[in-house]
Amino acid sequence: MALAIRNLVQSDFSTLWKMDWSPLIKERDSIYLILAVDQCPVSFVAYDDKSDKWLGVLLATRSADGLACYINHLLVMPDARGMGIGSALVKRLAEDGAGLGIRKIWFFTSEKNRPFYEKLGFTEDFSFFDGPVKRYVQEIKNALSMSCTL
């Protein structure tokens, strides 16, 4: 396998739509279309450049002011996990993002994913939210907010 990473392009939409994003619901296809069309500079596909098989995808959204980037989804195909693909995708976002003027990357994840992201330099960060929203994210959604500064 020869890992390659490239920016998402509009023609990737049909592949994104066909992927198994469980446990997310399929109706999110409108989000995939927006990301494939409008957020190409901060969304990436990892693939085997010998077979062209997709190994993973990182879909992100840039903030209106361009200073922050939210990771919507990071998915590594089951048969490609444990090979550094997720790390490579996040690192690519950080590198390209810094060149675009992005200063912070953030996202929600579960507690079980904390060690993976901490190895990449992310820390727990709820500074974006006031009390009620923070409680909702933590208690209702049972999610962890993490970020890193570029």
C-alpha atoms as a PDB file:
ATOM      1  CA  MET A   1       0.000   0.000   0.000  1.00  0.00           C
ATOM      2  CA  ALA A   2       1.194   3.496  -0.830  1.00  0.00           C
ATOM      3  CA  LEU A   3      -0.718   6.078   1.226  1.00  0.00           C
ATOM      4  CA  ALA A   4      -1.631   9.279  -0.558  1.00  0.00           C
ATOM      5  CA  ILE A   5      -3.813  12.168   0.638  1.00  0.00           C
ATOM      6  CA  ARG A   6      -5.592  14.673  -1.555  1.00  0.00           C
ATOM      7  CA  ASN A   7      -8.225  17.352  -1.171  1.00  0.00           C
ATOM      8  CA  LEU A   8     -11.823  16.354  -1.522  1.00  0.00           C
ATOM      9  CA  VAL A   9     -13.328  17.279  -4.897  1.00  0.00           C
ATOM     10  CA  GLN A  10     -16.929  17.648  -6.053  1.00  0.00           C
ATOM     11  CA  SER A  11     -16.898  14.352  -7.898  1.00  0.00           C
ATOM     12  CA  ASP A  12     -16.236  12.609  -4.543  1.00  0.00           C
ATOM     13  CA  PHE A  13     -19.800  13.298  -3.436  1.00  0.00           C
ATOM     14  CA  SER A  14     -21.206  10.041  -4.800  1.00  0.00           C
ATOM     15  CA  THR A  15     -18.532   8.032  -2.970  1.00  0.00           C
ATOM     16  CA  LEU A  16     -19.172   9.947   0.265  1.00  0.00           C
ATOM     17  CA  TRP A  17     -22.889   9.286  -0.036  1.00  0.00           C
ATOM     18  CA  LYS A  18     -22.371   5.538  -0.489  1.00  0.00           C
ATOM     19  CA  MET A  19     -20.088   5.134   2.538  1.00  0.00           C
ATOM     20  CA  ASP A  20     -21.257   3.547   5.764  1.00  0.00           C
ATOM     21  CA  TRP A  21     -21.232   6.400   8.287  1.00  0.00           C
ATOM     22  CA  SER A  22     -22.900   4.381  11.055  1.00  0.00           C
ATOM     23  CA  PRO A  23     -24.162   5.355  13.527  1.00  0.00           C
ATOM     24  CA  LEU A  24     -24.900   8.630  11.711  1.00  0.00           C
ATOM     25  CA  ILE A  25     -28.168   8.782   9.823  1.00  0.00           C
ATOM     26  CA  LYS A  26     -28.151   8.737   6.029  1.00  0.00           C
ATOM     27  CA  GLU A  27     -30.041  12.027   5.723  1.00  0.00           C
ATOM     28  CA  ARG A  28     -26.758  13.824   6.272  1.00  0.00           C
ATOM     29  CA  ASP A  29     -26.054  13.531   2.555  1.00  0.00           C
ATOM     30  CA  SER A  30     -26.811  17.239   2.151  1.00  0.00           C
ATOM     31  CA  ILE A  31     -23.905  17.924   4.487  1.00  0.00           C
ATOM     32  CA  TYR A  32     -21.616  15.761   2.357  1.00  0.00           C
ATOM     33  CA  LEU A  33     -22.624  17.711  -0.730  1.00  0.00           C
ATOM     34  CA  ILE A  34     -21.877  21.047   0.951  1.00  0.00           C
ATOM     35  CA  LEU A  35     -18.516  19.774   2.134  1.00  0.00           C
ATOM     36  CA  ALA A  36     -17.604  18.309  -1.250  1.00  0.00           C
ATOM     37  CA  VAL A  37     -18.529  21.545  -3.039  1.00  0.00           C
ATOM     38  CA  ASP A  38     -17.676  24.318  -0.582  1.00  0.00           C
ATOM     39  CA  GLN A  39     -15.118  22.980   1.889  1.00  0.00           C
ATOM     40  CA  CYS A  40     -12.614  21.252  -0.396  1.00  0.00           C
ATOM     41  CA  PRO A  41      -9.567  23.129   0.961  1.00  0.00           C
ATOM     42  CA  VAL A  42     -10.095  21.617   4.449  1.00  0.00           C
ATOM     43  CA  SER A  43     -11.520  18.189   3.584  1.00  0.00           C
ATOM     44  CA  PHE A  44      -9.338  15.271   2.525  1.00  0.00           C
ATOM     45  CA  VAL A  45      -9.367  11.733   1.180  1.00  0.00           C
ATOM     46  CA  ALA A  46      -6.675   9.167   2.050  1.00  0.00           C
ATOM     47  CA  TYR A  47      -6.257   6.471  -0.544  1.00  0.00           C
ATOM     48  CA  ASP A  48      -3.943   3.773  -1.781  1.00  0.00           C
ATOM     49  CA  ASP A  49      -2.354   5.352  -4.829  1.00  0.00           C
ATOM     50  CA  LYS A  50      -1.671   1.944  -6.364  1.00  0.00           C
ATOM     51  CA  SER A  51      -5.291   0.731  -6.286  1.00  0.00           C
ATOM     52  CA  ASP A  52      -7.073   4.108  -5.849  1.00  0.00           C
ATOM     53  CA  LYS A  53      -9.039   2.506  -2.970  1.00  0.00           C
ATOM     54  CA  TRP A  54     -10.257   4.976  -0.356  1.00  0.00           C
ATOM     55  CA  LEU A  55      -8.716   4.329   3.063  1.00  0.00           C
ATOM     56  CA  GLY A  56     -10.209   7.224   4.982  1.00  0.00           C
ATOM     57  CA  VAL A  57     -11.785  10.647   4.771  1.00  0.00           C
ATOM     58  CA  LEU A  58     -11.720  13.793   6.891  1.00  0.00           C
ATOM     59  CA  LEU A  59     -14.570  16.240   6.361  1.00  0.00           C
ATOM     60  CA  ALA A  60     -14.168  19.678   7.916  1.00  0.00           C
ATOM     61  CA  THR A  61     -15.882  23.052   7.856  1.00  0.00           C
ATOM     62  CA  ARG A  62     -14.098  26.381   8.057  1.00  0.00           C
ATOM     63  CA  SER A  63     -15.592  29.114  10.248  1.00  0.00           C
ATOM     64  CA  ALA A  64     -17.013  32.263   8.659  1.00  0.00           C
ATOM     65  CA  ASP A  65     -14.007  34.329   9.776  1.00  0.00           C
ATOM     66  CA  GLY A  66     -11.622  31.661   8.492  1.00  0.00           C
ATOM     67  CA  LEU A  67      -9.745  31.402  11.797  1.00  0.00           C
ATOM     68  CA  ALA A  68     -11.171  28.098  13.025  1.00  0.00           C
ATOM     69  CA  CYS A  69     -11.961  24.752  11.475  1.00  0.00           C
ATOM     70  CA  TYR A  70     -14.430  22.166  12.764  1.00  0.00           C
ATOM     71  CA  ILE A  71     -13.871  18.488  11.981  1.00  0.00           C
ATOM     72  CA  ASN A  72     -17.296  17.170  11.026  1.00  0.00           C
ATOM     73  CA  HIS A  73     -16.229  13.567  10.419  1.00  0.00           C
ATOM     74  CA  LEU A  74     -13.071  11.500  10.493  1.00  0.00           C
ATOM     75  CA  LEU A  75     -13.585   8.018   9.126  1.00  0.00           C
ATOM     76  CA  VAL A  76     -10.971   5.352   8.469  1.00  0.00           C
ATOM     77  CA  MET A  77     -12.182   2.245   6.696  1.00  0.00           C
ATOM     78  CA  PRO A  78     -12.300  -0.784   9.019  1.00  0.00           C
ATOM     79  CA  ASP A  79      -9.658  -2.743   7.103  1.00  0.00           C
ATOM     80  CA  ALA A  80      -7.273   0.257   7.185  1.00  0.00           C
ATOM     81  CA  ARG A  81      -7.451   1.098  10.899  1.00  0.00           C
ATOM     82  CA  GLY A  82      -4.303   1.088  12.992  1.00  0.00           C
ATOM     83  CA  MET A  83      -2.115   2.116  10.059  1.00  0.00           C
ATOM     84  CA  GLY A  84      -1.741   5.837  10.902  1.00  0.00           C
ATOM     85  CA  ILE A  85      -4.277   7.015   8.343  1.00  0.00           C
ATOM     86  CA  GLY A  86      -6.436   8.985  10.777  1.00  0.00           C
ATOM     87  CA  SER A  87      -3.340  10.690  12.176  1.00  0.00           C
ATOM     88  CA  ALA A  88      -2.110  11.495   8.668  1.00  0.00           C
ATOM     89  CA  LEU A  89      -5.446  13.063   7.735  1.00  0.00           C
ATOM     90  CA  VAL A  90      -5.552  15.234  10.873  1.00  0.00           C
ATOM     91  CA  LYS A  91      -1.917  16.302  10.361  1.00  0.00           C
ATOM     92  CA  ARG A  92      -2.673  17.227   6.750  1.00  0.00           C
ATOM     93  CA  LEU A  93      -5.587  19.392   7.917  1.00  0.00           C
ATOM     94  CA  ALA A  94      -3.308  21.124  10.430  1.00  0.00           C
ATOM     95  CA  GLU A  95      -0.595  21.759   7.831  1.00  0.00           C
ATOM     96  CA  ASP A  96      -2.894  22.990   5.083  1.00  0.00           C
ATOM     97  CA  GLY A  97      -5.101  24.824   7.570  1.00  0.00           C
ATOM     98  CA  ALA A  98      -2.207  26.828   8.977  1.00  0.00           C
ATOM     99  CA  GLY A  99      -1.355  27.888   5.422  1.00  0.00           C
ATOM    100  CA  LEU A 100      -4.954  29.066   4.963  1.00  0.00           C
ATOM    101  CA  GLY A 101      -4.840  31.185   8.134  1.00  0.00           C
ATOM    102  CA  ILE A 102      -6.706  28.757  10.366  1.00  0.00           C
ATOM    103  CA  ARG A 103      -5.579  29.124  13.968  1.00  0.00           C
ATOM    104  CA  LYS A 104      -7.708  26.533  15.765  1.00  0.00           C
ATOM    105  CA  ILE A 105      -9.106  23.093  14.940  1.00  0.00           C
ATOM    106  CA  TRP A 106     -11.899  21.735  17.103  1.00  0.00           C
ATOM    107  CA  PHE A 107     -14.481  18.952  17.145  1.00  0.00           C
ATOM    108  CA  PHE A 108     -16.660  16.727  19.301  1.00  0.00           C
ATOM    109  CA  THR A 109     -15.717  13.149  20.043  1.00  0.00           C
ATOM    110  CA  SER A 110     -16.319  10.447  22.600  1.00  0.00           C
ATOM    111  CA  GLU A 111     -14.178   9.847  25.649  1.00  0.00           C
ATOM    112  CA  LYS A 112     -12.834   6.615  24.157  1.00  0.00           C
ATOM    113  CA  ASN A 113     -11.148   8.644  21.383  1.00  0.00           C
ATOM    114  CA  ARG A 114      -9.397  11.053  23.760  1.00  0.00           C
ATOM    115  CA  PRO A 115      -6.008   9.223  23.746  1.00  0.00           C
ATOM    116  CA  PHE A 116      -5.849   9.242  19.938  1.00  0.00           C
ATOM    117  CA  TYR A 117      -6.421  12.988  19.728  1.00  0.00           C
ATOM    118  CA  GLU A 118      -4.222  13.828  22.700  1.00  0.00           C
ATOM    119  CA  LYS A 119      -1.307  12.138  20.878  1.00  0.00           C
ATOM    120  CA  LEU A 120      -1.929  14.610  18.068  1.00  0.00           C
ATOM    121  CA  GLY A 121      -1.784  17.603  20.422  1.00  0.00           C
ATOM    122  CA  PHE A 122      -5.488  18.160  21.098  1.00  0.00           C
ATOM    123  CA  THR A 123      -6.835  18.975  24.551  1.00  0.00           C
ATOM    124  CA  GLU A 124     -10.298  19.140  26.069  1.00  0.00           C
ATOM    125  CA  ASP A 125     -11.736  22.577  25.347  1.00  0.00           C
ATOM    126  CA  PHE A 126     -15.214  23.854  26.092  1.00  0.00           C
ATOM    127  CA  SER A 127     -14.237  27.529  25.790  1.00  0.00           C
ATOM    128  CA  PHE A 128     -16.557  27.938  22.797  1.00  0.00           C
ATOM    129  CA  PHE A 129     -19.639  27.334  24.914  1.00  0.00           C
ATOM    130  CA  ASP A 130     -21.545  28.923  27.756  1.00  0.00           C
ATOM    131  CA  GLY A 131     -22.914  26.922  30.714  1.00  0.00           C
ATOM    132  CA  PRO A 132     -26.139  25.527  29.185  1.00  0.00           C
ATOM    133  CA  VAL A 133     -24.510  24.507  25.892  1.00  0.00           C
ATOM    134  CA  LYS A 134     -21.543  22.986  27.687  1.00  0.00           C
ATOM    135  CA  ARG A 135     -23.885  20.965  29.915  1.00  0.00           C
ATOM    136  CA  TYR A 136     -25.904  19.848  26.875  1.00  0.00           C
ATOM    137  CA  VAL A 137     -22.790  18.639  25.055  1.00  0.00           C
ATOM    138  CA  GLN A 138     -21.385  16.880  28.107  1.00  0.00           C
ATOM    139  CA  GLU A 139     -24.516  15.506  29.764  1.00  0.00           C
ATOM    140  CA  ILE A 140     -27.048  14.978  26.976  1.00  0.00           C
ATOM    141  CA  LYS A 141     -24.783  14.284  24.008  1.00  0.00           C
ATOM    142  CA  ASN A 142     -22.155  12.636  26.229  1.00  0.00           C
ATOM    143  CA  ALA A 143     -19.498  14.245  24.052  1.00  0.00           C
ATOM    144  CA  LEU A 144     -16.068  15.705  24.590  1.00  0.00           C
ATOM    145  CA  SER A 145     -15.044  18.965  22.916  1.00  0.00           C
ATOM    146  CA  MET A 146     -11.381  19.059  21.909  1.00  0.00           C
ATOM    147  CA  SER A 147      -9.193  21.575  20.126  1.00  0.00           C
ATOM    148  CA  CYS A 148      -5.663  22.511  19.231  1.00  0.00           C
ATOM    149  CA  THR A 149      -4.115  25.813  18.325  1.00  0.00           C
ATOM    150  CA  LEU A 150      -2.044  25.974  15.155  1.00  0.00           C
END
